Amino acid sequence: MADDGQGRLRTEGGRAGGAAVASGEMLLGVGLLALALLAAYRLYLRWGARIGPGGAARQGEAAALPRMKRRDFSLEQLREFDGARNPRILLAVNGKVFDVTKGSKFYGPEGPYGIFAGRDASRGLATFCLDKDALRDEYDDLSDLNAVQMESVREWEMQFKEKYDYVGRLLKPGEEPSEYTDEEDTKDHTKQE
């Protein structure tokens, strides 16, 4: 290789060097394309198969469920609605319980956020942690969360209010459930739509 006097490198073979570079760039492009296609295929296998025949039937079953009447839940009662034991999926955020059944591909047993189904998801959402360690088996008052994490919980609560039906409160230990009238239940459901 030599300098051609204008700051460009010149190879002894002239065009042969340029063809080798172009060939290398083309191989790199083909390799990246193949890698992208492989990644897309693996994602399809991982998530597409879950929505396949069984997943579609489960989503159809969930869509056929009637709107849930308003009621309050203890942690034990909430756990029944995990999408595995019951087709309806509930989760709590900041003391409020939401019916997330229509988002079963996310919150169902096979979904990426399935760990939150039938649980109080507040701590996991506040800390952006999807590990079982982020969830508590007893009532969690969230008192150890910092201001930024509590703001995150409130933002998640607002997002859930906009997208899913609010079905009641998460009860603290010893707290009595509220009695909701059919009128309150109907009014709140029409307000959300």
Protein backbone atom coordinates (compact mmCIF):
# COMPACT_ATOMS: atom_id res chain seq x y z
CA MET A 1 0.00 0.00 0.00
CA ALA A 2 1.16 3.49 -0.80
CA ASP A 3 -0.16 7.04 -0.51
CA ASP A 4 -1.46 8.28 -3.86
CA GLY A 5 -0.49 11.86 -3.00
CA GLN A 6 -4.04 12.96 -2.17
CA GLY A 7 -4.27 11.30 1.25
CA ARG A 8 -5.82 8.10 -0.10
CA LEU A 9 -4.24 4.71 0.17
CA ARG A 10 -3.47 2.86 -2.99
CA THR A 11 -3.01 -0.89 -3.09
CA GLU A 12 -0.65 -2.68 -5.38
CA GLY A 13 -3.51 -4.57 -6.97
CA GLY A 14 -5.54 -1.40 -7.62
CA ARG A 15 -9.11 -2.53 -7.98
CA ALA A 16 -8.55 -5.91 -6.38
CA GLY A 17 -8.14 -4.27 -2.95
CA GLY A 18 -11.38 -2.33 -3.37
CA ALA A 19 -13.23 -5.46 -4.43
CA ALA A 20 -11.95 -7.28 -1.35
CA VAL A 21 -13.24 -4.49 0.89
CA ALA A 22 -16.63 -4.47 -0.88
CA SER A 23 -16.80 -8.25 -0.60
CA GLY A 24 -16.02 -8.05 3.13
CA GLU A 25 -18.71 -5.41 3.66
CA MET A 26 -21.22 -7.54 1.78
CA LEU A 27 -20.34 -10.60 3.90
CA LEU A 28 -20.76 -8.51 7.04
CA GLY A 29 -24.16 -7.27 5.86
CA VAL A 30 -25.33 -10.81 5.02
CA GLY A 31 -24.06 -12.03 8.39
CA LEU A 32 -25.93 -9.29 10.26
CA LEU A 33 -29.09 -10.02 8.30
CA ALA A 34 -28.81 -13.74 9.12
CA LEU A 35 -28.29 -12.90 12.80
CA ALA A 36 -31.35 -10.63 12.82
CA LEU A 37 -33.48 -13.32 11.16
CA LEU A 38 -32.28 -15.91 13.68
CA ALA A 39 -33.15 -13.58 16.57
CA ALA A 40 -36.62 -12.92 15.12
CA TYR A 41 -37.21 -16.66 14.66
CA ARG A 42 -36.17 -17.40 18.24
CA LEU A 43 -38.51 -14.69 19.54
CA TYR A 44 -41.32 -16.17 17.47
CA LEU A 45 -40.64 -19.62 18.90
CA ARG A 46 -40.57 -18.26 22.43
CA TRP A 47 -43.61 -15.94 22.36
CA GLY A 48 -45.54 -16.94 19.22
CA ALA A 49 -45.92 -20.54 20.29
CA ARG A 50 -47.47 -19.41 23.58
CA ILE A 51 -50.20 -17.55 21.77
CA GLY A 52 -50.76 -20.54 19.46
CA PRO A 53 -53.84 -22.80 19.63
CA GLY A 54 -53.87 -23.15 23.45
CA GLY A 55 -53.10 -19.50 24.03
CA ALA A 56 -55.76 -18.34 21.59
CA ALA A 57 -58.36 -20.56 23.29
CA ARG A 58 -57.37 -19.16 26.67
CA GLN A 59 -57.64 -15.57 25.38
CA GLY A 60 -61.07 -16.35 23.86
CA GLU A 61 -62.21 -17.85 27.15
CA ALA A 62 -60.98 -14.77 29.02
CA ALA A 63 -62.75 -12.42 26.60
CA ALA A 64 -66.02 -14.28 27.19
CA LEU A 65 -65.89 -13.63 30.95
CA PRO A 66 -68.51 -11.21 32.25
CA ARG A 67 -67.37 -7.94 33.78
CA MET A 68 -66.39 -8.53 37.39
CA LYS A 69 -68.51 -6.98 40.13
CA ARG A 70 -66.73 -4.60 42.47
CA ARG A 71 -65.35 -6.16 45.65
CA ASP A 72 -62.32 -5.96 47.91
CA PHE A 73 -59.66 -8.67 48.19
CA SER A 74 -57.34 -10.05 50.81
CA LEU A 75 -53.96 -11.27 49.53
CA GLU A 76 -55.21 -14.87 49.77
CA GLN A 77 -58.31 -14.10 47.72
CA LEU A 78 -56.25 -12.21 45.14
CA ARG A 79 -53.95 -15.21 44.61
CA GLU A 80 -56.84 -17.26 43.23
CA PHE A 81 -56.90 -14.99 40.16
CA ASP A 82 -53.50 -15.90 38.71
CA GLY A 83 -54.69 -17.10 35.29
CA ALA A 84 -53.77 -20.71 36.06
CA ARG A 85 -56.41 -21.70 38.64
CA ASN A 86 -58.94 -19.24 37.27
CA PRO A 87 -59.07 -17.76 33.74
CA ARG A 88 -59.52 -14.27 35.20
CA ILE A 89 -56.27 -12.46 36.02
CA LEU A 90 -56.12 -9.79 38.71
CA LEU A 91 -53.22 -7.85 40.17
CA ALA A 92 -52.88 -5.06 42.69
CA VAL A 93 -51.00 -1.79 42.32
CA ASN A 94 -50.79 0.70 45.19
CA GLY A 95 -53.69 -0.91 47.07
CA LYS A 96 -56.00 -1.08 44.05
CA VAL A 97 -56.98 -4.30 42.28
CA PHE A 98 -57.27 -4.38 38.49
CA ASP A 99 -58.68 -7.01 36.14
CA VAL A 100 -55.89 -7.50 33.60
CA THR A 101 -57.47 -10.54 31.93
CA LYS A 102 -57.58 -8.83 28.53
CA GLY A 103 -53.78 -8.50 28.81
CA SER A 104 -53.34 -12.24 29.42
CA LYS A 105 -50.52 -12.53 26.87
CA PHE A 106 -48.53 -10.26 29.22
CA TYR A 107 -49.90 -11.20 32.66
CA GLY A 108 -50.95 -14.81 32.09
CA PRO A 109 -48.95 -17.79 33.37
CA GLU A 110 -46.77 -17.84 30.24
CA GLY A 111 -46.49 -14.07 29.84
CA PRO A 112 -43.41 -11.98 30.56
CA TYR A 113 -45.16 -10.33 33.56
CA GLY A 114 -46.97 -13.49 34.70
CA ILE A 115 -45.17 -13.31 38.03
CA PHE A 116 -47.49 -10.41 38.98
CA ALA A 117 -50.73 -12.33 38.32
CA GLY A 118 -52.78 -12.77 41.49
CA ARG A 119 -50.30 -10.68 43.48
CA ASP A 120 -49.53 -7.17 44.68
CA ALA A 121 -47.24 -6.01 41.88
CA SER A 122 -46.41 -2.62 43.45
CA ARG A 123 -42.90 -3.41 44.70
CA GLY A 124 -41.86 -5.19 41.50
CA LEU A 125 -43.11 -2.33 39.34
CA ALA A 126 -41.51 0.30 41.58
CA THR A 127 -38.11 -1.39 41.51
CA PHE A 128 -38.37 -2.67 37.91
CA CYS A 129 -37.71 -6.17 39.24
CA LEU A 130 -39.39 -9.26 37.79
CA ASP A 131 -37.91 -11.68 40.33
CA LYS A 132 -40.10 -13.51 42.81
CA ASP A 133 -37.94 -11.90 45.54
CA ALA A 134 -39.50 -8.53 44.67
CA LEU A 135 -42.93 -9.80 45.73
CA ARG A 136 -44.01 -10.26 49.32
CA ASP A 137 -46.26 -13.02 50.62
CA GLU A 138 -47.65 -10.74 53.33
CA TYR A 139 -49.26 -7.32 53.00
CA ASP A 140 -46.66 -4.81 51.80
CA ASP A 141 -47.17 -1.22 52.98
CA LEU A 142 -44.32 -0.04 50.69
CA SER A 143 -43.04 2.22 53.51
CA ASP A 144 -39.39 1.46 52.72
CA LEU A 145 -39.60 2.66 49.10
CA ASN A 146 -37.94 5.98 48.28
CA ALA A 147 -39.74 8.96 46.72
CA VAL A 148 -38.76 8.05 43.15
CA GLN A 149 -40.00 4.49 43.58
CA MET A 150 -43.30 5.67 45.09
CA GLU A 151 -43.77 8.06 42.18
CA SER A 152 -43.18 5.12 39.84
CA VAL A 153 -45.88 3.11 41.66
CA ARG A 154 -48.34 6.00 41.27
CA GLU A 155 -47.52 6.26 37.54
CA TRP A 156 -48.10 2.52 37.10
CA GLU A 157 -51.39 2.84 38.97
CA MET A 158 -52.52 5.57 36.56
CA GLN A 159 -51.55 3.45 33.55
CA PHE A 160 -53.52 0.49 34.89
CA LYS A 161 -56.55 2.74 35.58
CA GLU A 162 -56.51 3.90 31.96
CA LYS A 163 -56.18 0.44 30.43
CA TYR A 164 -57.87 -2.06 32.78
CA ASP A 165 -61.00 -2.31 34.94
CA TYR A 166 -60.61 -1.33 38.57
CA VAL A 167 -62.40 -4.05 40.55
CA GLY A 168 -61.71 -3.18 44.19
CA ARG A 169 -59.17 -2.56 46.92
CA LEU A 170 -56.44 -4.74 48.36
CA LEU A 171 -57.28 -5.14 52.04
CA LYS A 172 -54.78 -4.59 54.81
CA PRO A 173 -54.69 -7.33 57.47
CA GLY A 174 -57.76 -7.02 59.70
CA GLU A 175 -59.46 -4.51 57.38
CA GLU A 176 -63.09 -5.18 56.53
CA PRO A 177 -64.21 -5.18 52.88
CA SER A 178 -66.47 -2.42 51.63
CA GLU A 179 -69.95 -3.20 50.42
CA TYR A 180 -70.49 -1.90 46.91
CA THR A 181 -73.90 -1.29 45.44
CA ASP A 182 -74.78 -2.26 41.89
CA GLU A 183 -75.22 1.45 41.13
CA GLU A 184 -71.63 2.26 42.23
CA ASP A 185 -70.32 -0.67 40.24
CA THR A 186 -72.16 0.36 37.06
CA LYS A 187 -71.25 4.04 37.44
CA ASP A 188 -67.53 3.30 37.83
CA HIS A 189 -67.46 0.89 34.88
CA THR A 190 -69.16 3.35 32.55
CA LYS A 191 -66.85 6.14 33.73
CA GLN A 192 -63.81 4.06 32.68
CA GLU A 193 -65.08 3.34 29.18
